[in-house]
Amino acid sequence: LDVAVRGDGWLVVQTPTGEAYTRVGNLQVASDGRVTTMGG
């Protein structure tokens, strides 16, 4: 579940205010099956 973006680019995460972008690629699977960042 670890991914690293090659070169330029971003992963997209959902926040209460809309989409945000991150390079943090140590993903995980939550208890409900959703793919999330380590920050949830």
Full PDB file with SEQRES, HELIX, SHEET, SSBOND, CRYST1, ORIGX, SCALE, CONECT and MASTER records, all heavy atoms in Angstrom:
SEQRES   1 A   40  LEU ASP VAL ALA VAL ARG GLY ASP GLY TRP LEU VAL VAL          
SEQRES   2 A   40  GLN THR PRO THR GLY GLU ALA TYR THR ARG VAL GLY ASN          
SEQRES   3 A   40  LEU GLN VAL ALA SER ASP GLY ARG VAL THR THR MET GLY          
SEQRES   4 A   40  GLY                                                          
SHEET    1 AA1 2 LEU A  11  THR A  15  0                                        
SHEET    2 AA1 2 GLY A  18  THR A  22 -1                                        
SHEET    1 AA2 2 GLN A  28  VAL A  29  0                                        
SHEET    2 AA2 2 VAL A  35  THR A  36 -1                                        
CRYST1    1.000    1.000    1.000  90.00  90.00  90.00 P 1           1          
ORIGX1      1.000000  0.000000  0.000000        0.00000                         
ORIGX2      0.000000  1.000000  0.000000        0.00000                         
ORIGX3      0.000000  0.000000  1.000000        0.00000                         
SCALE1      1.000000  0.000000  0.000000        0.00000                         
SCALE2      0.000000  1.000000  0.000000        0.00000                         
SCALE3      0.000000  0.000000  1.000000        0.00000                         
ATOM      1  N   LEU A   1       0.806  -1.219   0.000  1.00  0.00           N  
ATOM      2  CA  LEU A   1       0.000   0.000   0.000  1.00  0.00           C  
ATOM      3  C   LEU A   1       0.841   1.272   0.000  1.00  0.00           C  
ATOM      4  O   LEU A   1       0.300   2.364   0.119  1.00  0.00           O  
ATOM      5  CB  LEU A   1      -0.954   0.016   1.201  1.00  0.00           C  
ATOM      6  CG  LEU A   1      -2.186  -0.882   1.090  1.00  0.00           C  
ATOM      7  CD1 LEU A   1      -2.966  -0.904   2.397  1.00  0.00           C  
ATOM      8  CD2 LEU A   1      -3.092  -0.409  -0.043  1.00  0.00           C  
ATOM      9  N   ASP A   2       2.144   1.130  -0.136  1.00  0.00           N  
ATOM     10  CA  ASP A   2       3.008   2.308  -0.221  1.00  0.00           C  
ATOM     11  C   ASP A   2       3.168   2.716  -1.679  1.00  0.00           C  
ATOM     12  O   ASP A   2       3.441   1.877  -2.541  1.00  0.00           O  
ATOM     13  CB  ASP A   2       4.380   2.015   0.382  1.00  0.00           C  
ATOM     14  CG  ASP A   2       4.349   1.984   1.898  1.00  0.00           C  
ATOM     15  OD1 ASP A   2       3.343   2.420   2.476  1.00  0.00           O  
ATOM     16  OD2 ASP A   2       5.343   1.508   2.498  1.00  0.00           O  
ATOM     17  N   VAL A   3       3.012   4.010  -1.950  1.00  0.00           N  
ATOM     18  CA  VAL A   3       3.216   4.524  -3.306  1.00  0.00           C  
ATOM     19  C   VAL A   3       3.999   5.831  -3.222  1.00  0.00           C  
ATOM     20  O   VAL A   3       3.849   6.608  -2.285  1.00  0.00           O  
ATOM     21  CB  VAL A   3       1.877   4.772  -4.048  1.00  0.00           C  
ATOM     22  CG1 VAL A   3       1.166   3.472  -4.331  1.00  0.00           C  
ATOM     23  CG2 VAL A   3       0.981   5.726  -3.270  1.00  0.00           C  
ATOM     24  N   ALA A   4       4.837   6.047  -4.221  1.00  0.00           N  
ATOM     25  CA  ALA A   4       5.586   7.292  -4.338  1.00  0.00           C  
ATOM     26  C   ALA A   4       5.319   7.877  -5.712  1.00  0.00           C  
ATOM     27  O   ALA A   4       5.447   7.179  -6.727  1.00  0.00           O  
ATOM     28  CB  ALA A   4       7.081   7.043  -4.151  1.00  0.00           C  
ATOM     29  N   VAL A   5       4.907   9.125  -5.752  1.00  0.00           N  
ATOM     30  CA  VAL A   5       4.643   9.782  -7.032  1.00  0.00           C  
ATOM     31  C   VAL A   5       5.967  10.018  -7.741  1.00  0.00           C  
ATOM     32  O   VAL A   5       6.919  10.551  -7.163  1.00  0.00           O  
ATOM     33  CB  VAL A   5       3.897  11.112  -6.813  1.00  0.00           C  
ATOM     34  CG1 VAL A   5       3.657  11.805  -8.156  1.00  0.00           C  
ATOM     35  CG2 VAL A   5       2.570  10.868  -6.103  1.00  0.00           C  
ATOM     36  N   ARG A   6       6.024   9.609  -9.011  1.00  0.00           N  
ATOM     37  CA  ARG A   6       7.246   9.805  -9.803  1.00  0.00           C  
ATOM     38  C   ARG A   6       7.258  11.224 -10.369  1.00  0.00           C  
ATOM     39  O   ARG A   6       6.313  11.634 -11.045  1.00  0.00           O  
ATOM     40  CB  ARG A   6       7.303   8.803 -10.959  1.00  0.00           C  
ATOM     41  CG  ARG A   6       7.352   7.340 -10.536  1.00  0.00           C  
ATOM     42  CD  ARG A   6       7.388   6.462 -11.773  1.00  0.00           C  
ATOM     43  NE  ARG A   6       7.343   5.043 -11.453  1.00  0.00           N  
ATOM     44  CZ  ARG A   6       8.408   4.285 -11.222  1.00  0.00           C  
ATOM     45  NH1 ARG A   6       9.608   4.830 -11.271  1.00  0.00           N  
ATOM     46  NH2 ARG A   6       8.277   3.000 -10.948  1.00  0.00           N  
ATOM     47  N   GLY A   7       8.310  11.958 -10.097  1.00  0.00           N  
ATOM     48  CA  GLY A   7       8.415  13.305 -10.645  1.00  0.00           C  
ATOM     49  C   GLY A   7       7.364  14.236 -10.072  1.00  0.00           C  
ATOM     50  O   GLY A   7       7.017  14.174  -8.889  1.00  0.00           O  
ATOM     51  N   ASP A   8       6.828  15.101 -10.927  1.00  0.00           N  
ATOM     52  CA  ASP A   8       5.817  16.058 -10.490  1.00  0.00           C  
ATOM     53  C   ASP A   8       4.449  15.389 -10.405  1.00  0.00           C  
ATOM     54  O   ASP A   8       4.126  14.502 -11.192  1.00  0.00           O  
ATOM     55  CB  ASP A   8       5.744  17.244 -11.459  1.00  0.00           C  
ATOM     56  CG  ASP A   8       7.047  18.032 -11.511  1.00  0.00           C  
ATOM     57  OD1 ASP A   8       7.760  18.037 -10.490  1.00  0.00           O  
ATOM     58  OD2 ASP A   8       7.343  18.625 -12.560  1.00  0.00           O  
ATOM     59  N   GLY A   9       3.637  15.847  -9.476  1.00  0.00           N  
ATOM     60  CA  GLY A   9       2.286  15.309  -9.337  1.00  0.00           C  
ATOM     61  C   GLY A   9       1.900  15.152  -7.876  1.00  0.00           C  
ATOM     62  O   GLY A   9       2.739  15.293  -6.971  1.00  0.00           O  
ATOM     63  N   TRP A  10       0.635  14.847  -7.660  1.00  0.00           N  
ATOM     64  CA  TRP A  10       0.098  14.760  -6.296  1.00  0.00           C  
ATOM     65  C   TRP A  10      -0.968  13.674  -6.207  1.00  0.00           C  
ATOM     66  O   TRP A  10      -1.679  13.401  -7.174  1.00  0.00           O  
ATOM     67  CB  TRP A  10      -0.549  16.095  -5.889  1.00  0.00           C  
ATOM     68  CG  TRP A  10       0.367  17.266  -5.955  1.00  0.00           C  
ATOM     69  CD1 TRP A  10       0.634  18.026  -7.063  1.00  0.00           C  
ATOM     70  CD2 TRP A  10       1.142  17.818  -4.897  1.00  0.00           C  
ATOM     71  NE1 TRP A  10       1.526  19.015  -6.753  1.00  0.00           N  
ATOM     72  CE2 TRP A  10       1.855  18.918  -5.435  1.00  0.00           C  
ATOM     73  CE3 TRP A  10       1.299  17.511  -3.554  1.00  0.00           C  
ATOM     74  CZ2 TRP A  10       2.713  19.701  -4.669  1.00  0.00           C  
ATOM     75  CZ3 TRP A  10       2.152  18.279  -2.780  1.00  0.00           C  
ATOM     76  CH2 TRP A  10       2.848  19.358  -3.344  1.00  0.00           C  
ATOM     77  N   LEU A  11      -1.066  13.079  -5.023  1.00  0.00           N  
ATOM     78  CA  LEU A  11      -2.228  12.277  -4.667  1.00  0.00           C  
ATOM     79  C   LEU A  11      -3.323  13.217  -4.179  1.00  0.00           C  
ATOM     80  O   LEU A  11      -3.044  14.305  -3.672  1.00  0.00           O  
ATOM     81  CB  LEU A  11      -1.877  11.287  -3.564  1.00  0.00           C  
ATOM     82  CG  LEU A  11      -0.810  10.222  -3.889  1.00  0.00           C  
ATOM     83  CD1 LEU A  11      -0.384   9.515  -2.603  1.00  0.00           C  
ATOM     84  CD2 LEU A  11      -1.337   9.233  -4.897  1.00  0.00           C  
ATOM     85  N   VAL A  12      -4.566  12.801  -4.303  1.00  0.00           N  
ATOM     86  CA  VAL A  12      -5.698  13.627  -3.891  1.00  0.00           C  
ATOM     87  C   VAL A  12      -6.389  12.975  -2.704  1.00  0.00           C  
ATOM     88  O   VAL A  12      -6.668  11.770  -2.716  1.00  0.00           O  
ATOM     89  CB  VAL A  12      -6.708  13.809  -5.047  1.00  0.00           C  
ATOM     90  CG1 VAL A  12      -7.843  14.736  -4.629  1.00  0.00           C  
ATOM     91  CG2 VAL A  12      -6.005  14.363  -6.286  1.00  0.00           C  
ATOM     92  N   VAL A  13      -6.643  13.759  -1.669  1.00  0.00           N  
ATOM     93  CA  VAL A  13      -7.371  13.282  -0.499  1.00  0.00           C  
ATOM     94  C   VAL A  13      -8.595  14.170  -0.276  1.00  0.00           C  
ATOM     95  O   VAL A  13      -8.646  15.315  -0.729  1.00  0.00           O  
ATOM     96  CB  VAL A  13      -6.480  13.275   0.760  1.00  0.00           C  
ATOM     97  CG1 VAL A  13      -5.337  12.289   0.597  1.00  0.00           C  
ATOM     98  CG2 VAL A  13      -5.953  14.664   1.066  1.00  0.00           C  
ATOM     99  N   GLN A  14      -9.562  13.615   0.417  1.00  0.00           N  
ATOM    100  CA  GLN A  14     -10.797  14.354   0.708  1.00  0.00           C  
ATOM    101  C   GLN A  14     -10.736  14.940   2.109  1.00  0.00           C  
ATOM    102  O   GLN A  14     -10.375  14.257   3.069  1.00  0.00           O  
ATOM    103  CB  GLN A  14     -12.013  13.424   0.593  1.00  0.00           C  
ATOM    104  CG  GLN A  14     -13.353  14.132   0.664  1.00  0.00           C  
ATOM    105  CD  GLN A  14     -13.588  15.043  -0.524  1.00  0.00           C  
ATOM    106  OE1 GLN A  14     -13.253  14.694  -1.656  1.00  0.00           O  
ATOM    107  NE2 GLN A  14     -14.142  16.216  -0.272  1.00  0.00           N  
ATOM    108  N   THR A  15     -11.069  16.215   2.221  1.00  0.00           N  
ATOM    109  CA  THR A  15     -11.119  16.905   3.511  1.00  0.00           C  
ATOM    110  C   THR A  15     -12.501  17.514   3.691  1.00  0.00           C  
ATOM    111  O   THR A  15     -13.280  17.581   2.730  1.00  0.00           O  
ATOM    112  CB  THR A  15     -10.045  18.008   3.590  1.00  0.00           C  
ATOM    113  OG1 THR A  15     -10.415  19.080   2.708  1.00  0.00           O  
ATOM    114  CG2 THR A  15      -8.675  17.477   3.188  1.00  0.00           C  
ATOM    115  N   PRO A  16     -12.842  17.973   4.887  1.00  0.00           N  
ATOM    116  CA  PRO A  16     -14.153  18.602   5.088  1.00  0.00           C  
ATOM    117  C   PRO A  16     -14.390  19.811   4.203  1.00  0.00           C  
ATOM    118  O   PRO A  16     -15.547  20.173   3.944  1.00  0.00           O  
ATOM    119  CB  PRO A  16     -14.114  18.995   6.571  1.00  0.00           C  
ATOM    120  CG  PRO A  16     -13.165  18.031   7.193  1.00  0.00           C  
ATOM    121  CD  PRO A  16     -12.111  17.785   6.164  1.00  0.00           C  
ATOM    122  N   THR A  17     -13.331  20.451   3.718  1.00  0.00           N  
ATOM    123  CA  THR A  17     -13.483  21.646   2.881  1.00  0.00           C  
ATOM    124  C   THR A  17     -13.304  21.349   1.398  1.00  0.00           C  
ATOM    125  O   THR A  17     -13.290  22.267   0.584  1.00  0.00           O  
ATOM    126  CB  THR A  17     -12.474  22.723   3.307  1.00  0.00           C  
ATOM    127  OG1 THR A  17     -11.130  22.196   3.199  1.00  0.00           O  
ATOM    128  CG2 THR A  17     -12.734  23.161   4.738  1.00  0.00           C  
ATOM    129  N   GLY A  18     -13.145  20.074   1.030  1.00  0.00           N  
ATOM    130  CA  GLY A  18     -12.970  19.724  -0.371  1.00  0.00           C  
ATOM    131  C   GLY A  18     -11.688  18.938  -0.598  1.00  0.00           C  
ATOM    132  O   GLY A  18     -11.079  18.403   0.335  1.00  0.00           O  
ATOM    133  N   GLU A  19     -11.273  18.856  -1.844  1.00  0.00           N  
ATOM    134  CA  GLU A  19     -10.083  18.091  -2.196  1.00  0.00           C  
ATOM    135  C   GLU A  19      -8.810  18.823  -1.784  1.00  0.00           C  
ATOM    136  O   GLU A  19      -8.744  20.046  -1.818  1.00  0.00           O  
ATOM    137  CB  GLU A  19     -10.048  17.807  -3.700  1.00  0.00           C  
ATOM    138  CG  GLU A  19     -11.114  16.829  -4.165  1.00  0.00           C  
ATOM    139  CD  GLU A  19     -10.950  16.466  -5.626  1.00  0.00           C  
ATOM    140  OE1 GLU A  19     -10.099  17.093  -6.302  1.00  0.00           O  
ATOM    141  OE2 GLU A  19     -11.666  15.562  -6.105  1.00  0.00           O  
ATOM    142  N   ALA A  20      -7.816  18.043  -1.400  1.00  0.00           N  
ATOM    143  CA  ALA A  20      -6.492  18.576  -1.072  1.00  0.00           C  
ATOM    144  C   ALA A  20      -5.465  17.622  -1.661  1.00  0.00           C  
ATOM    145  O   ALA A  20      -5.780  16.486  -2.036  1.00  0.00           O  
ATOM    146  CB  ALA A  20      -6.314  18.717   0.432  1.00  0.00           C  
ATOM    147  N   TYR A  21      -4.209  18.099  -1.726  1.00  0.00           N  
ATOM    148  CA  TYR A  21      -3.171  17.354  -2.429  1.00  0.00           C  
ATOM    149  C   TYR A  21      -2.003  17.058  -1.493  1.00  0.00           C  
ATOM    150  O   TYR A  21      -1.627  17.892  -0.662  1.00  0.00           O  
ATOM    151  CB  TYR A  21      -2.700  18.145  -3.649  1.00  0.00           C  
ATOM    152  CG  TYR A  21      -3.871  18.677  -4.458  1.00  0.00           C  
ATOM    153  CD1 TYR A  21      -4.112  20.048  -4.559  1.00  0.00           C  
ATOM    154  CD2 TYR A  21      -4.762  17.799  -5.065  1.00  0.00           C  
ATOM    155  CE1 TYR A  21      -5.203  20.521  -5.264  1.00  0.00           C  
ATOM    156  CE2 TYR A  21      -5.853  18.266  -5.777  1.00  0.00           C  
ATOM    157  CZ  TYR A  21      -6.078  19.630  -5.871  1.00  0.00           C  
ATOM    158  OH  TYR A  21      -7.168  20.082  -6.551  1.00  0.00           O  
ATOM    159  N   THR A  22      -1.445  15.869  -1.650  1.00  0.00           N  
ATOM    160  CA  THR A  22      -0.372  15.436  -0.770  1.00  0.00           C  
ATOM    161  C   THR A  22       0.581  14.524  -1.531  1.00  0.00           C  
ATOM    162  O   THR A  22       0.211  13.941  -2.557  1.00  0.00           O  
ATOM    163  CB  THR A  22      -0.933  14.694   0.459  1.00  0.00           C  
ATOM    164  OG1 THR A  22       0.142  14.313   1.324  1.00  0.00           O  
ATOM    165  CG2 THR A  22      -1.683  13.449   0.041  1.00  0.00           C  
ATOM    166  N   ARG A  23       1.801  14.396  -1.017  1.00  0.00           N  
ATOM    167  CA  ARG A  23       2.774  13.444  -1.550  1.00  0.00           C  
ATOM    168  C   ARG A  23       2.981  12.285  -0.577  1.00  0.00           C  
ATOM    169  O   ARG A  23       3.810  11.424  -0.809  1.00  0.00           O  
ATOM    170  CB  ARG A  23       4.116  14.149  -1.785  1.00  0.00           C  
ATOM    171  CG  ARG A  23       4.076  15.308  -2.754  1.00  0.00           C  
ATOM    172  CD  ARG A  23       4.208  14.896  -4.181  1.00  0.00           C  
ATOM    173  NE  ARG A  23       5.488  14.257  -4.478  1.00  0.00           N  
ATOM    174  CZ  ARG A  23       5.961  14.116  -5.711  1.00  0.00           C  
ATOM    175  NH1 ARG A  23       5.250  14.527  -6.750  1.00  0.00           N  
ATOM    176  NH2 ARG A  23       7.125  13.529  -5.922  1.00  0.00           N  
ATOM    177  N   VAL A  24       2.225  12.272   0.505  1.00  0.00           N  
ATOM    178  CA  VAL A  24       2.346  11.213   1.504  1.00  0.00           C  
ATOM    179  C   VAL A  24       1.706   9.946   0.951  1.00  0.00           C  
ATOM    180  O   VAL A  24       0.493   9.888   0.756  1.00  0.00           O  
ATOM    181  CB  VAL A  24       1.682  11.621   2.829  1.00  0.00           C  
ATOM    182  CG1 VAL A  24       1.819  10.505   3.857  1.00  0.00           C  
ATOM    183  CG2 VAL A  24       2.294  12.908   3.357  1.00  0.00           C  
ATOM    184  N   GLY A  25       2.516   8.929   0.697  1.00  0.00           N  
ATOM    185  CA  GLY A  25       2.009   7.744   0.028  1.00  0.00           C  
ATOM    186  C   GLY A  25       1.927   6.493   0.872  1.00  0.00           C  
ATOM    187  O   GLY A  25       1.687   5.409   0.330  1.00  0.00           O  
ATOM    188  N   ASN A  26       2.120   6.572   2.185  1.00  0.00           N  
ATOM    189  CA  ASN A  26       1.974   5.383   3.032  1.00  0.00           C  
ATOM    190  C   ASN A  26       0.497   5.194   3.371  1.00  0.00           C  
ATOM    191  O   ASN A  26       0.018   5.590   4.428  1.00  0.00           O  
ATOM    192  CB  ASN A  26       2.847   5.481   4.291  1.00  0.00           C  
ATOM    193  CG  ASN A  26       2.671   6.788   5.033  1.00  0.00           C  
ATOM    194  OD1 ASN A  26       2.108   7.748   4.514  1.00  0.00           O  
ATOM    195  ND2 ASN A  26       3.147   6.835   6.271  1.00  0.00           N  
ATOM    196  N   LEU A  27      -0.222   4.575   2.431  1.00  0.00           N  
ATOM    197  CA  LEU A  27      -1.667   4.422   2.541  1.00  0.00           C  
ATOM    198  C   LEU A  27      -2.011   3.240   3.446  1.00  0.00           C  
ATOM    199  O   LEU A  27      -1.172   2.407   3.777  1.00  0.00           O  
ATOM    200  CB  LEU A  27      -2.278   4.225   1.150  1.00  0.00           C  
ATOM    201  CG  LEU A  27      -1.877   5.255   0.085  1.00  0.00           C  
ATOM    202  CD1 LEU A  27      -2.562   4.946  -1.235  1.00  0.00           C  
ATOM    203  CD2 LEU A  27      -2.183   6.666   0.543  1.00  0.00           C  
ATOM    204  N   GLN A  28      -3.288   3.194   3.832  1.00  0.00           N  
ATOM    205  CA  GLN A  28      -3.776   2.098   4.663  1.00  0.00           C  
ATOM    206  C   GLN A  28      -5.242   1.839   4.318  1.00  0.00           C  
ATOM    207  O   GLN A  28      -5.892   2.651   3.654  1.00  0.00           O  
ATOM    208  CB  GLN A  28      -3.642   2.434   6.150  1.00  0.00           C  
ATOM    209  CG  GLN A  28      -4.496   3.607   6.596  1.00  0.00           C  
ATOM    210  CD  GLN A  28      -4.374   3.871   8.085  1.00  0.00           C  
ATOM    211  OE1 GLN A  28      -3.708   3.153   8.801  1.00  0.00           O  
ATOM    212  NE2 GLN A  28      -5.042   4.921   8.564  1.00  0.00           N  
ATOM    213  N   VAL A  29      -5.743   0.713   4.799  1.00  0.00           N  
ATOM    214  CA  VAL A  29      -7.158   0.367   4.610  1.00  0.00           C  
ATOM    215  C   VAL A  29      -7.861   0.502   5.950  1.00  0.00           C  
ATOM    216  O   VAL A  29      -7.474  -0.149   6.930  1.00  0.00           O  
ATOM    217  CB  VAL A  29      -7.319  -1.064   4.056  1.00  0.00           C  
ATOM    218  CG1 VAL A  29      -8.796  -1.409   3.896  1.00  0.00           C  
ATOM    219  CG2 VAL A  29      -6.599  -1.207   2.722  1.00  0.00           C  
ATOM    220  N   ALA A  30      -8.865   1.363   5.997  1.00  0.00           N  
ATOM    221  CA  ALA A  30      -9.609   1.584   7.235  1.00  0.00           C  
ATOM    222  C   ALA A  30     -10.495   0.378   7.542  1.00  0.00           C  
ATOM    223  O   ALA A  30     -10.646  -0.538   6.731  1.00  0.00           O  
ATOM    224  CB  ALA A  30     -10.449   2.851   7.114  1.00  0.00           C  
ATOM    225  N   SER A  31     -11.106   0.395   8.720  1.00  0.00           N  
ATOM    226  CA  SER A  31     -11.946  -0.731   9.143  1.00  0.00           C  
ATOM    227  C   SER A  31     -13.136  -0.944   8.226  1.00  0.00           C  
ATOM    228  O   SER A  31     -13.644  -2.063   8.098  1.00  0.00           O  
ATOM    229  CB  SER A  31     -12.433  -0.490  10.584  1.00  0.00           C  
ATOM    230  OG  SER A  31     -13.146   0.743  10.666  1.00  0.00           O  
ATOM    231  N   ASP A  32     -13.588   0.123   7.553  1.00  0.00           N  
ATOM    232  CA  ASP A  32     -14.714  -0.018   6.626  1.00  0.00           C  
ATOM    233  C   ASP A  32     -14.265  -0.297   5.192  1.00  0.00           C  
ATOM    234  O   ASP A  32     -15.086  -0.291   4.274  1.00  0.00           O  
ATOM    235  CB  ASP A  32     -15.584   1.248   6.654  1.00  0.00           C  
ATOM    236  CG  ASP A  32     -14.804   2.511   6.323  1.00  0.00           C  
ATOM    237  OD1 ASP A  32     -13.587   2.403   6.047  1.00  0.00           O  
ATOM    238  OD2 ASP A  32     -15.399   3.610   6.334  1.00  0.00           O  
ATOM    239  N   GLY A  33     -12.961  -0.532   4.999  1.00  0.00           N  
ATOM    240  CA  GLY A  33     -12.468  -0.874   3.677  1.00  0.00           C  
ATOM    241  C   GLY A  33     -11.989   0.305   2.849  1.00  0.00           C  
ATOM    242  O   GLY A  33     -11.414   0.116   1.775  1.00  0.00           O  
ATOM    243  N   ARG A  34     -12.205   1.527   3.320  1.00  0.00           N  
ATOM    244  CA  ARG A  34     -11.786   2.689   2.549  1.00  0.00           C  
ATOM    245  C   ARG A  34     -10.272   2.845   2.575  1.00  0.00           C  
ATOM    246  O   ARG A  34      -9.632   2.593   3.586  1.00  0.00           O  
ATOM    247  CB  ARG A  34     -12.433   3.965   3.104  1.00  0.00           C  
ATOM    248  CG  ARG A  34     -13.930   4.070   2.915  1.00  0.00           C  
ATOM    249  CD  ARG A  34     -14.423   5.430   3.407  1.00  0.00           C  
ATOM    250  NE  ARG A  34     -14.067   5.645   4.806  1.00  0.00           N  
ATOM    251  CZ  ARG A  34     -14.095   6.840   5.406  1.00  0.00           C  
ATOM    252  NH1 ARG A  34     -14.450   7.916   4.719  1.00  0.00           N  
ATOM    253  NH2 ARG A  34     -13.765   6.955   6.679  1.00  0.00           N  
ATOM    254  N   VAL A  35      -9.730   3.276   1.444  1.00  0.00           N  
ATOM    255  CA  VAL A  35      -8.300   3.565   1.369  1.00  0.00           C  
ATOM    256  C   VAL A  35      -8.077   4.971   1.899  1.00  0.00           C  
ATOM    257  O   VAL A  35      -8.678   5.940   1.423  1.00  0.00           O  
ATOM    258  CB  VAL A  35      -7.784   3.460  -0.075  1.00  0.00           C  
ATOM    259  CG1 VAL A  35      -6.298   3.786  -0.143  1.00  0.00           C  
ATOM    260  CG2 VAL A  35      -8.048   2.070  -0.635  1.00  0.00           C  
ATOM    261  N   THR A  36      -7.230   5.097   2.904  1.00  0.00           N  
ATOM    262  CA  THR A  36      -6.974   6.389   3.531  1.00  0.00           C  
ATOM    263  C   THR A  36      -5.471   6.599   3.688  1.00  0.00           C  
ATOM    264  O   THR A  36      -4.674   5.680   3.499  1.00  0.00           O  
ATOM    265  CB  THR A  36      -7.643   6.486   4.915  1.00  0.00           C  
ATOM    266  OG1 THR A  36      -6.984   5.581   5.821  1.00  0.00           O  
ATOM    267  CG2 THR A  36      -9.123   6.135   4.838  1.00  0.00           C  
ATOM    268  N   THR A  37      -5.103   7.811   4.033  1.00  0.00           N  
ATOM    269  CA  THR A  37      -3.732   8.081   4.430  1.00  0.00           C  
ATOM    270  C   THR A  37      -3.550   7.623   5.870  1.00  0.00           C  
ATOM    271  O   THR A  37      -4.513   7.273   6.559  1.00  0.00           O  
ATOM    272  CB  THR A  37      -3.412   9.578   4.325  1.00  0.00           C  
ATOM    273  OG1 THR A  37      -4.259  10.309   5.255  1.00  0.00           O  
ATOM    274  CG2 THR A  37      -3.671  10.102   2.925  1.00  0.00           C  
ATOM    275  N   MET A  38      -2.300   7.653   6.347  1.00  0.00           N  
ATOM    276  CA  MET A  38      -2.053   7.276   7.731  1.00  0.00           C  
ATOM    277  C   MET A  38      -2.730   8.244   8.693  1.00  0.00           C  
ATOM    278  O   MET A  38      -2.970   7.918   9.844  1.00  0.00           O  
ATOM    279  CB  MET A  38      -0.540   7.238   8.002  1.00  0.00           C  
ATOM    280  CG  MET A  38       0.141   6.003   7.445  1.00  0.00           C  
ATOM    281  SD  MET A  38      -0.469   4.499   8.212  1.00  0.00           S  
ATOM    282  CE  MET A  38       0.519   3.257   7.376  1.00  0.00           C  
ATOM    283  N   GLY A  39      -3.034   9.447   8.201  1.00  0.00           N  
ATOM    284  CA  GLY A  39      -3.760  10.414   9.023  1.00  0.00           C  
ATOM    285  C   GLY A  39      -5.256  10.219   9.005  1.00  0.00           C  
ATOM    286  O   GLY A  39      -5.997  10.986   9.641  1.00  0.00           O  
ATOM    287  N   GLY A  40      -5.738   9.208   8.267  1.00  0.00           N  
ATOM    288  CA  GLY A  40      -7.163   8.903   8.242  1.00  0.00           C  
ATOM    289  C   GLY A  40      -7.960   9.663   7.202  1.00  0.00           C  
ATOM    290  O   GLY A  40      -9.197   9.575   7.193  1.00  0.00           O  
TER     291      GLY A  40                                                      
MASTER        0    0    0    0    4    0    0    6  290    1    0    4          
END                                                                             
